[in-house]
């Protein structure tokens, strides 16, 4: 009996790291591997860097402190603004899991080829969820992005 207990303990000790390492590869839509970070940015839409955001469908990357885990994609949807975290929401972060805008109409992740509609965040290819979205409120010519 003691021998069996020792074997079971050894199996659990050996199996635990494997389970821990594989627990965050992909998920069923109930767990997110995107790190939680503080998002608190205000951008002036009159600045040349953000002039594209003054038009429906226009978008911009926002980087720096308090800009999500890998930066943000901010888009003018035509009826308001959306700010997406650039970490792919359905897989754990890797070197290739940063989302980027392609052809001004979709967001893409090179890690697995996932795609999302830029203005809505709706997944269209492979991903099972939209990117993490942050609150984006227009106040005059200032766009305030927070979580």
N, C-alpha and C. Protein backbone atom coordinates (compact mmCIF):
# COMPACT_ATOMS: atom_id res chain seq x y z
N UNK A 1 0.83 -1.19 0.00
CA UNK A 1 0.00 0.00 0.00
C UNK A 1 0.87 1.26 0.00
N UNK A 2 1.91 1.26 0.82
CA UNK A 2 2.82 2.40 0.87
C UNK A 2 3.53 2.58 -0.47
N UNK A 3 3.86 1.47 -1.12
CA UNK A 3 4.53 1.50 -2.42
C UNK A 3 3.62 2.14 -3.47
N UNK A 4 2.35 1.81 -3.48
CA UNK A 4 1.39 2.38 -4.44
C UNK A 4 1.21 3.87 -4.18
N UNK A 5 1.13 4.25 -2.92
CA UNK A 5 0.99 5.67 -2.57
C UNK A 5 2.20 6.47 -3.05
N UNK A 6 3.39 5.91 -2.90
CA UNK A 6 4.62 6.56 -3.36
C UNK A 6 4.61 6.72 -4.88
N UNK A 7 4.18 5.70 -5.57
CA UNK A 7 4.11 5.78 -7.04
C UNK A 7 3.11 6.85 -7.47
N UNK A 8 1.95 6.88 -6.84
CA UNK A 8 0.93 7.89 -7.18
C UNK A 8 1.45 9.31 -6.91
N UNK A 9 2.12 9.51 -5.82
CA UNK A 9 2.70 10.82 -5.50
C UNK A 9 3.73 11.23 -6.55
N UNK A 10 4.58 10.27 -6.96
CA UNK A 10 5.59 10.57 -7.98
C UNK A 10 4.94 10.92 -9.32
N UNK A 11 3.90 10.19 -9.67
CA UNK A 11 3.20 10.47 -10.92
C UNK A 11 2.59 11.87 -10.88
N UNK A 12 1.98 12.22 -9.76
CA UNK A 12 1.38 13.55 -9.63
C UNK A 12 2.44 14.65 -9.71
N UNK A 13 3.57 14.43 -9.06
CA UNK A 13 4.64 15.42 -9.08
C UNK A 13 5.18 15.60 -10.51
N UNK A 14 5.29 14.52 -11.25
CA UNK A 14 5.79 14.60 -12.62
C UNK A 14 4.73 15.15 -13.58
N UNK A 15 3.48 14.86 -13.33
CA UNK A 15 2.40 15.27 -14.22
C UNK A 15 2.01 16.74 -14.02
N UNK A 16 2.12 17.24 -12.82
CA UNK A 16 1.69 18.61 -12.51
C UNK A 16 2.36 19.67 -13.39
N UNK A 17 3.69 19.69 -13.53
CA UNK A 17 4.32 20.70 -14.40
C UNK A 17 3.84 20.61 -15.85
N UNK A 18 3.66 19.39 -16.35
CA UNK A 18 3.17 19.21 -17.71
C UNK A 18 1.79 19.83 -17.87
N UNK A 19 0.89 19.56 -16.94
CA UNK A 19 -0.46 20.12 -16.99
C UNK A 19 -0.43 21.63 -16.88
N UNK A 20 0.43 22.13 -16.02
CA UNK A 20 0.53 23.58 -15.83
C UNK A 20 1.02 24.27 -17.10
N UNK A 21 2.01 23.71 -17.76
CA UNK A 21 2.56 24.30 -18.98
C UNK A 21 1.58 24.23 -20.15
N UNK A 22 0.76 23.20 -20.20
CA UNK A 22 -0.17 23.03 -21.31
C UNK A 22 -1.55 23.63 -21.05
N UNK A 23 -1.80 24.11 -19.86
CA UNK A 23 -3.12 24.62 -19.51
C UNK A 23 -3.46 25.90 -20.24
N UNK A 24 -2.48 26.63 -20.76
CA UNK A 24 -2.74 27.93 -21.34
C UNK A 24 -2.43 28.01 -22.83
N UNK A 25 -2.38 26.91 -23.53
CA UNK A 25 -2.09 26.94 -24.97
C UNK A 25 -3.27 27.51 -25.75
N UNK A 26 -4.43 26.93 -25.61
CA UNK A 26 -5.66 27.46 -26.19
C UNK A 26 -6.75 27.19 -25.17
N UNK A 27 -7.93 27.71 -25.44
CA UNK A 27 -8.98 27.48 -24.47
C UNK A 27 -10.32 27.30 -25.17
N UNK A 28 -11.33 27.05 -24.39
CA UNK A 28 -12.67 26.82 -24.93
C UNK A 28 -13.52 28.09 -24.88
N UNK A 29 -12.90 29.23 -24.66
CA UNK A 29 -13.65 30.48 -24.59
C UNK A 29 -13.99 30.91 -23.18
N UNK A 30 -13.59 30.13 -22.19
CA UNK A 30 -13.93 30.47 -20.81
C UNK A 30 -12.75 31.02 -20.02
N UNK A 31 -11.54 30.86 -20.52
CA UNK A 31 -10.35 31.32 -19.82
C UNK A 31 -9.52 32.17 -20.78
N UNK A 32 -9.00 33.30 -20.31
CA UNK A 32 -8.19 34.15 -21.17
C UNK A 32 -6.77 34.20 -20.65
N UNK A 33 -5.84 34.07 -21.56
CA UNK A 33 -4.42 34.15 -21.22
C UNK A 33 -3.87 35.56 -21.41
N UNK A 34 -4.69 36.48 -21.91
CA UNK A 34 -4.23 37.85 -22.10
C UNK A 34 -4.03 38.47 -20.72
N UNK A 35 -2.83 38.95 -20.43
CA UNK A 35 -2.56 39.53 -19.11
C UNK A 35 -3.44 40.77 -18.86
N UNK A 36 -3.88 40.92 -17.63
CA UNK A 36 -4.62 42.12 -17.27
C UNK A 36 -3.63 43.24 -16.98
N UNK A 37 -3.81 44.38 -17.60
CA UNK A 37 -2.94 45.52 -17.39
C UNK A 37 -3.80 46.77 -17.26
N UNK A 38 -3.19 47.80 -16.73
CA UNK A 38 -3.87 49.09 -16.62
C UNK A 38 -3.90 49.76 -17.98
N UNK A 39 -5.07 50.22 -18.36
CA UNK A 39 -5.22 51.00 -19.58
C UNK A 39 -5.78 52.35 -19.18
N UNK A 40 -5.02 53.38 -19.44
CA UNK A 40 -5.42 54.74 -19.11
C UNK A 40 -4.65 55.69 -20.03
N UNK A 41 -5.25 55.99 -21.16
CA UNK A 41 -4.61 56.86 -22.15
C UNK A 41 -5.60 57.92 -22.62
N UNK A 42 -5.10 59.09 -22.88
CA UNK A 42 -5.88 60.15 -23.51
C UNK A 42 -5.09 60.60 -24.73
N UNK A 43 -5.75 60.59 -25.88
CA UNK A 43 -5.07 61.02 -27.10
C UNK A 43 -5.82 62.20 -27.71
N UNK A 44 -5.05 63.12 -28.24
CA UNK A 44 -5.60 64.31 -28.88
C UNK A 44 -5.78 64.00 -30.36
N UNK A 45 -7.04 63.98 -30.80
CA UNK A 45 -7.33 63.63 -32.19
C UNK A 45 -6.91 64.71 -33.18
N UNK A 46 -6.49 65.89 -32.69
CA UNK A 46 -5.99 66.95 -33.58
C UNK A 46 -4.52 66.76 -33.94
N UNK A 47 -3.83 65.87 -33.23
CA UNK A 47 -2.41 65.63 -33.53
C UNK A 47 -2.28 64.86 -34.84
N UNK A 48 -1.26 65.17 -35.65
CA UNK A 48 -1.07 64.48 -36.93
C UNK A 48 -0.98 62.96 -36.80
N UNK A 49 -0.44 62.47 -35.70
CA UNK A 49 -0.31 61.04 -35.48
C UNK A 49 -1.66 60.33 -35.47
N UNK A 50 -2.71 61.05 -35.06
CA UNK A 50 -4.03 60.43 -34.90
C UNK A 50 -5.07 60.97 -35.87
N UNK A 51 -4.65 61.71 -36.89
CA UNK A 51 -5.59 62.31 -37.83
C UNK A 51 -6.46 61.25 -38.52
N UNK A 52 -5.93 60.05 -38.73
CA UNK A 52 -6.68 58.97 -39.36
C UNK A 52 -7.93 58.59 -38.55
N UNK A 53 -7.89 58.81 -37.24
CA UNK A 53 -9.03 58.46 -36.39
C UNK A 53 -10.22 59.41 -36.56
N UNK A 54 -10.04 60.48 -37.30
CA UNK A 54 -11.15 61.42 -37.51
C UNK A 54 -12.10 60.95 -38.60
N UNK A 55 -11.78 59.85 -39.27
CA UNK A 55 -12.62 59.33 -40.35
C UNK A 55 -13.16 57.95 -39.98
N UNK A 56 -14.43 57.68 -40.32
CA UNK A 56 -14.97 56.33 -40.09
C UNK A 56 -14.09 55.27 -40.76
N UNK A 57 -13.78 54.24 -40.01
CA UNK A 57 -12.89 53.18 -40.50
C UNK A 57 -11.43 53.47 -40.26
N UNK A 58 -11.10 54.70 -39.85
CA UNK A 58 -9.72 55.05 -39.55
C UNK A 58 -9.26 54.37 -38.28
N UNK A 59 -7.99 54.08 -38.22
CA UNK A 59 -7.44 53.38 -37.05
C UNK A 59 -6.03 53.85 -36.76
N UNK A 60 -5.55 53.51 -35.56
CA UNK A 60 -4.19 53.87 -35.16
C UNK A 60 -3.72 52.88 -34.09
N UNK A 61 -2.40 52.65 -34.07
CA UNK A 61 -1.78 51.90 -32.97
C UNK A 61 -1.44 52.88 -31.87
N UNK A 62 -1.67 52.48 -30.63
CA UNK A 62 -1.28 53.27 -29.47
C UNK A 62 -0.35 52.40 -28.64
N UNK A 63 0.86 52.90 -28.39
CA UNK A 63 1.84 52.16 -27.62
C UNK A 63 2.24 52.97 -26.39
N UNK A 64 3.01 52.36 -25.53
CA UNK A 64 3.54 53.06 -24.38
C UNK A 64 2.91 52.61 -23.08
N UNK A 65 3.25 53.32 -22.03
CA UNK A 65 2.77 53.02 -20.68
C UNK A 65 1.26 53.14 -20.64
N UNK A 66 0.62 52.23 -19.93
CA UNK A 66 -0.84 52.20 -19.75
C UNK A 66 -1.60 52.03 -21.06
N UNK A 67 -0.99 51.29 -22.00
CA UNK A 67 -1.61 51.04 -23.30
C UNK A 67 -1.83 49.55 -23.54
N UNK A 68 -2.31 48.84 -22.54
CA UNK A 68 -2.55 47.42 -22.68
C UNK A 68 -1.28 46.62 -22.56
N UNK A 69 -1.39 45.33 -22.81
CA UNK A 69 -0.24 44.45 -22.62
C UNK A 69 0.75 44.51 -23.78
N UNK A 70 0.28 44.81 -24.99
CA UNK A 70 1.17 44.93 -26.16
C UNK A 70 0.80 46.14 -27.00
N UNK A 71 0.11 47.06 -26.40
CA UNK A 71 -0.36 48.21 -27.15
C UNK A 71 -1.83 48.04 -27.51
N UNK A 72 -2.37 49.05 -28.17
CA UNK A 72 -3.78 49.08 -28.52
C UNK A 72 -3.96 49.31 -30.01
N UNK A 73 -5.08 48.86 -30.52
CA UNK A 73 -5.57 49.26 -31.83
C UNK A 73 -6.83 50.05 -31.56
N UNK A 74 -6.84 51.32 -31.96
CA UNK A 74 -8.01 52.17 -31.78
C UNK A 74 -8.62 52.40 -33.15
N UNK A 75 -9.93 52.27 -33.24
CA UNK A 75 -10.61 52.42 -34.53
C UNK A 75 -11.85 53.30 -34.38
N UNK A 76 -12.09 54.13 -35.38
CA UNK A 76 -13.31 54.93 -35.48
C UNK A 76 -14.31 54.05 -36.22
N UNK A 77 -15.36 53.59 -35.54
CA UNK A 77 -16.33 52.67 -36.13
C UNK A 77 -17.37 53.39 -36.99
N UNK A 78 -17.38 54.70 -36.94
CA UNK A 78 -18.40 55.47 -37.64
C UNK A 78 -19.51 55.90 -36.70
N UNK A 79 -19.69 55.15 -35.61
CA UNK A 79 -20.70 55.52 -34.60
C UNK A 79 -20.05 55.68 -33.22
N UNK A 80 -18.75 55.63 -33.18
CA UNK A 80 -17.99 55.75 -31.94
C UNK A 80 -16.60 55.18 -32.13
N UNK A 81 -15.93 54.92 -31.03
CA UNK A 81 -14.56 54.41 -31.07
C UNK A 81 -14.47 53.10 -30.31
N UNK A 82 -13.58 52.25 -30.76
CA UNK A 82 -13.26 51.01 -30.06
C UNK A 82 -11.75 50.96 -29.87
N UNK A 83 -11.33 50.39 -28.75
CA UNK A 83 -9.91 50.20 -28.46
C UNK A 83 -9.71 48.74 -28.09
N UNK A 84 -8.89 48.05 -28.87
CA UNK A 84 -8.62 46.63 -28.68
C UNK A 84 -7.20 46.42 -28.16
N UNK A 85 -7.06 45.45 -27.24
CA UNK A 85 -5.73 45.01 -26.83
C UNK A 85 -5.11 44.25 -28.01
N UNK A 86 -3.82 44.42 -28.23
CA UNK A 86 -3.16 43.78 -29.37
C UNK A 86 -2.74 42.34 -29.10
N UNK A 87 -3.00 41.82 -27.91
CA UNK A 87 -2.73 40.41 -27.62
C UNK A 87 -3.86 39.57 -28.20
N UNK A 88 -3.54 38.52 -28.93
CA UNK A 88 -4.57 37.61 -29.43
C UNK A 88 -5.32 37.04 -28.23
N UNK A 89 -6.65 37.11 -28.24
CA UNK A 89 -7.43 36.75 -27.05
C UNK A 89 -7.63 35.26 -26.84
N UNK A 90 -7.34 34.44 -27.81
CA UNK A 90 -7.68 33.03 -27.76
C UNK A 90 -6.47 32.11 -27.54
N UNK A 91 -5.27 32.69 -27.49
CA UNK A 91 -4.06 31.92 -27.25
C UNK A 91 -3.17 32.68 -26.28
N UNK A 92 -2.31 31.97 -25.60
CA UNK A 92 -1.39 32.65 -24.69
C UNK A 92 -0.34 33.41 -25.48
N UNK A 93 0.14 34.52 -24.92
CA UNK A 93 1.10 35.37 -25.64
C UNK A 93 2.36 34.63 -26.08
N UNK A 94 2.73 34.87 -27.34
CA UNK A 94 3.99 34.38 -27.90
C UNK A 94 4.59 35.53 -28.70
N UNK A 95 5.73 35.30 -29.31
CA UNK A 95 6.35 36.34 -30.13
C UNK A 95 5.49 36.70 -31.33
N UNK A 96 4.66 35.78 -31.81
CA UNK A 96 3.87 36.00 -33.01
C UNK A 96 2.38 36.22 -32.74
N UNK A 97 2.00 36.44 -31.49
CA UNK A 97 0.57 36.56 -31.19
C UNK A 97 0.09 38.01 -31.03
N UNK A 98 0.89 38.97 -31.48
CA UNK A 98 0.47 40.36 -31.45
C UNK A 98 -0.42 40.63 -32.66
N UNK A 99 -1.61 41.16 -32.41
CA UNK A 99 -2.56 41.45 -33.47
C UNK A 99 -2.14 42.73 -34.20
N UNK A 100 -2.33 42.73 -35.51
CA UNK A 100 -2.05 43.92 -36.31
C UNK A 100 -3.17 44.11 -37.33
N UNK A 101 -3.26 45.32 -37.87
CA UNK A 101 -4.30 45.64 -38.86
C UNK A 101 -3.77 45.30 -40.25
N UNK A 102 -4.62 44.67 -41.04
CA UNK A 102 -4.25 44.31 -42.41
C UNK A 102 -5.33 44.83 -43.37
N UNK A 103 -4.90 45.47 -44.42
CA UNK A 103 -5.79 45.97 -45.48
C UNK A 103 -6.84 46.96 -44.97
N UNK A 104 -6.61 47.57 -43.83
CA UNK A 104 -7.52 48.55 -43.24
C UNK A 104 -8.93 48.03 -42.96
N UNK A 105 -9.13 46.71 -42.97
CA UNK A 105 -10.47 46.17 -42.71
C UNK A 105 -10.49 45.03 -41.71
N UNK A 106 -9.33 44.44 -41.41
CA UNK A 106 -9.32 43.31 -40.49
C UNK A 106 -8.09 43.35 -39.60
N UNK A 107 -8.19 42.62 -38.49
CA UNK A 107 -7.06 42.43 -37.59
C UNK A 107 -6.63 40.98 -37.75
N UNK A 108 -5.32 40.74 -37.67
CA UNK A 108 -4.76 39.43 -37.95
C UNK A 108 -3.74 39.06 -36.88
N UNK A 109 -3.66 37.76 -36.60
CA UNK A 109 -2.64 37.20 -35.70
C UNK A 109 -1.82 36.20 -36.50
N UNK A 110 -0.52 36.43 -36.63
CA UNK A 110 0.34 35.54 -37.41
C UNK A 110 0.60 34.19 -36.73
N UNK A 111 0.38 34.10 -35.42
CA UNK A 111 0.64 32.84 -34.71
C UNK A 111 -0.17 31.69 -35.31
N UNK A 112 -1.44 31.93 -35.60
CA UNK A 112 -2.28 30.87 -36.15
C UNK A 112 -3.15 31.31 -37.32
N UNK A 113 -2.99 32.56 -37.78
CA UNK A 113 -3.78 33.04 -38.91
C UNK A 113 -5.17 33.52 -38.57
N UNK A 114 -5.46 33.71 -37.30
CA UNK A 114 -6.78 34.19 -36.89
C UNK A 114 -7.04 35.58 -37.43
N UNK A 115 -8.33 35.89 -37.65
CA UNK A 115 -8.71 37.20 -38.15
C UNK A 115 -9.98 37.69 -37.46
N UNK A 116 -10.10 39.03 -37.38
CA UNK A 116 -11.25 39.70 -36.80
C UNK A 116 -11.63 40.89 -37.66
N UNK A 117 -12.91 41.26 -37.64
CA UNK A 117 -13.36 42.47 -38.33
C UNK A 117 -12.87 43.67 -37.53
N UNK A 118 -12.23 44.62 -38.19
CA UNK A 118 -11.63 45.77 -37.51
C UNK A 118 -12.65 46.61 -36.75
N UNK A 119 -13.78 46.90 -37.35
CA UNK A 119 -14.73 47.83 -36.72
C UNK A 119 -15.60 47.20 -35.64
N UNK A 120 -15.70 45.86 -35.63
CA UNK A 120 -16.57 45.21 -34.63
C UNK A 120 -15.81 44.31 -33.67
N UNK A 121 -14.65 43.80 -34.09
CA UNK A 121 -13.90 42.85 -33.28
C UNK A 121 -14.39 41.42 -33.42
N UNK A 122 -15.42 41.21 -34.23
CA UNK A 122 -15.98 39.87 -34.41
C UNK A 122 -14.96 38.95 -35.09
N UNK A 123 -14.74 37.75 -34.51
CA UNK A 123 -13.82 36.81 -35.14
C UNK A 123 -14.40 36.28 -36.45
N UNK A 124 -13.55 36.15 -37.47
CA UNK A 124 -13.99 35.62 -38.76
C UNK A 124 -13.21 34.38 -39.18
N UNK A 125 -12.09 34.14 -38.53
CA UNK A 125 -11.27 32.99 -38.92
C UNK A 125 -10.51 32.47 -37.70
N UNK A 126 -10.77 31.25 -37.31
CA UNK A 126 -10.08 30.47 -36.27
C UNK A 126 -10.34 30.90 -34.84
N UNK A 127 -10.28 32.17 -34.52
CA UNK A 127 -10.43 32.60 -33.12
C UNK A 127 -11.86 32.33 -32.63
N UNK A 128 -11.98 32.11 -31.33
CA UNK A 128 -13.29 31.84 -30.75
C UNK A 128 -13.81 33.01 -29.90
N UNK A 129 -13.15 34.14 -29.98
CA UNK A 129 -13.59 35.31 -29.21
C UNK A 129 -12.99 36.58 -29.79
N UNK A 130 -13.62 37.69 -29.45
CA UNK A 130 -13.14 39.01 -29.88
C UNK A 130 -11.95 39.43 -29.03
N UNK A 131 -11.11 40.30 -29.55
CA UNK A 131 -10.02 40.83 -28.72
C UNK A 131 -10.59 41.59 -27.52
N UNK A 132 -9.80 41.66 -26.46
CA UNK A 132 -10.22 42.43 -25.28
C UNK A 132 -10.43 43.87 -25.71
N UNK A 133 -11.57 44.42 -25.34
CA UNK A 133 -11.94 45.77 -25.73
C UNK A 133 -11.96 46.67 -24.49
N UNK A 134 -11.45 47.88 -24.66
CA UNK A 134 -11.43 48.85 -23.58
C UNK A 134 -12.37 50.00 -23.91
N UNK A 135 -12.82 50.68 -22.89
CA UNK A 135 -13.72 51.81 -23.04
C UNK A 135 -13.01 52.96 -23.75
N UNK A 136 -13.65 53.52 -24.77
CA UNK A 136 -13.10 54.67 -25.51
C UNK A 136 -14.18 55.73 -25.60
N UNK A 137 -13.96 56.85 -24.92
CA UNK A 137 -14.97 57.91 -24.83
C UNK A 137 -14.40 59.19 -25.43
N UNK A 138 -15.16 59.79 -26.34
CA UNK A 138 -14.75 61.04 -26.97
C UNK A 138 -15.24 62.20 -26.12
N UNK A 139 -14.32 63.11 -25.78
CA UNK A 139 -14.64 64.31 -25.01
C UNK A 139 -13.99 65.49 -25.75
N UNK A 140 -14.78 66.16 -26.60
CA UNK A 140 -14.22 67.22 -27.43
C UNK A 140 -13.31 66.59 -28.47
N UNK A 141 -12.04 67.00 -28.48
CA UNK A 141 -11.07 66.40 -29.41
C UNK A 141 -10.17 65.40 -28.69
N UNK A 142 -10.51 65.05 -27.46
CA UNK A 142 -9.73 64.10 -26.67
C UNK A 142 -10.45 62.75 -26.63
N UNK A 143 -9.72 61.69 -26.93
CA UNK A 143 -10.27 60.33 -26.82
C UNK A 143 -9.66 59.72 -25.57
N UNK A 144 -10.52 59.36 -24.62
CA UNK A 144 -10.09 58.81 -23.33
C UNK A 144 -10.31 57.29 -23.39
N UNK A 145 -9.24 56.54 -23.18
CA UNK A 145 -9.29 55.07 -23.25
C UNK A 145 -8.93 54.53 -21.88
N UNK A 146 -9.85 53.72 -21.31
CA UNK A 146 -9.63 53.18 -19.95
C UNK A 146 -10.20 51.77 -19.84
N UNK A 147 -9.77 51.09 -18.78
CA UNK A 147 -10.41 49.80 -18.44
C UNK A 147 -11.01 49.89 -17.07
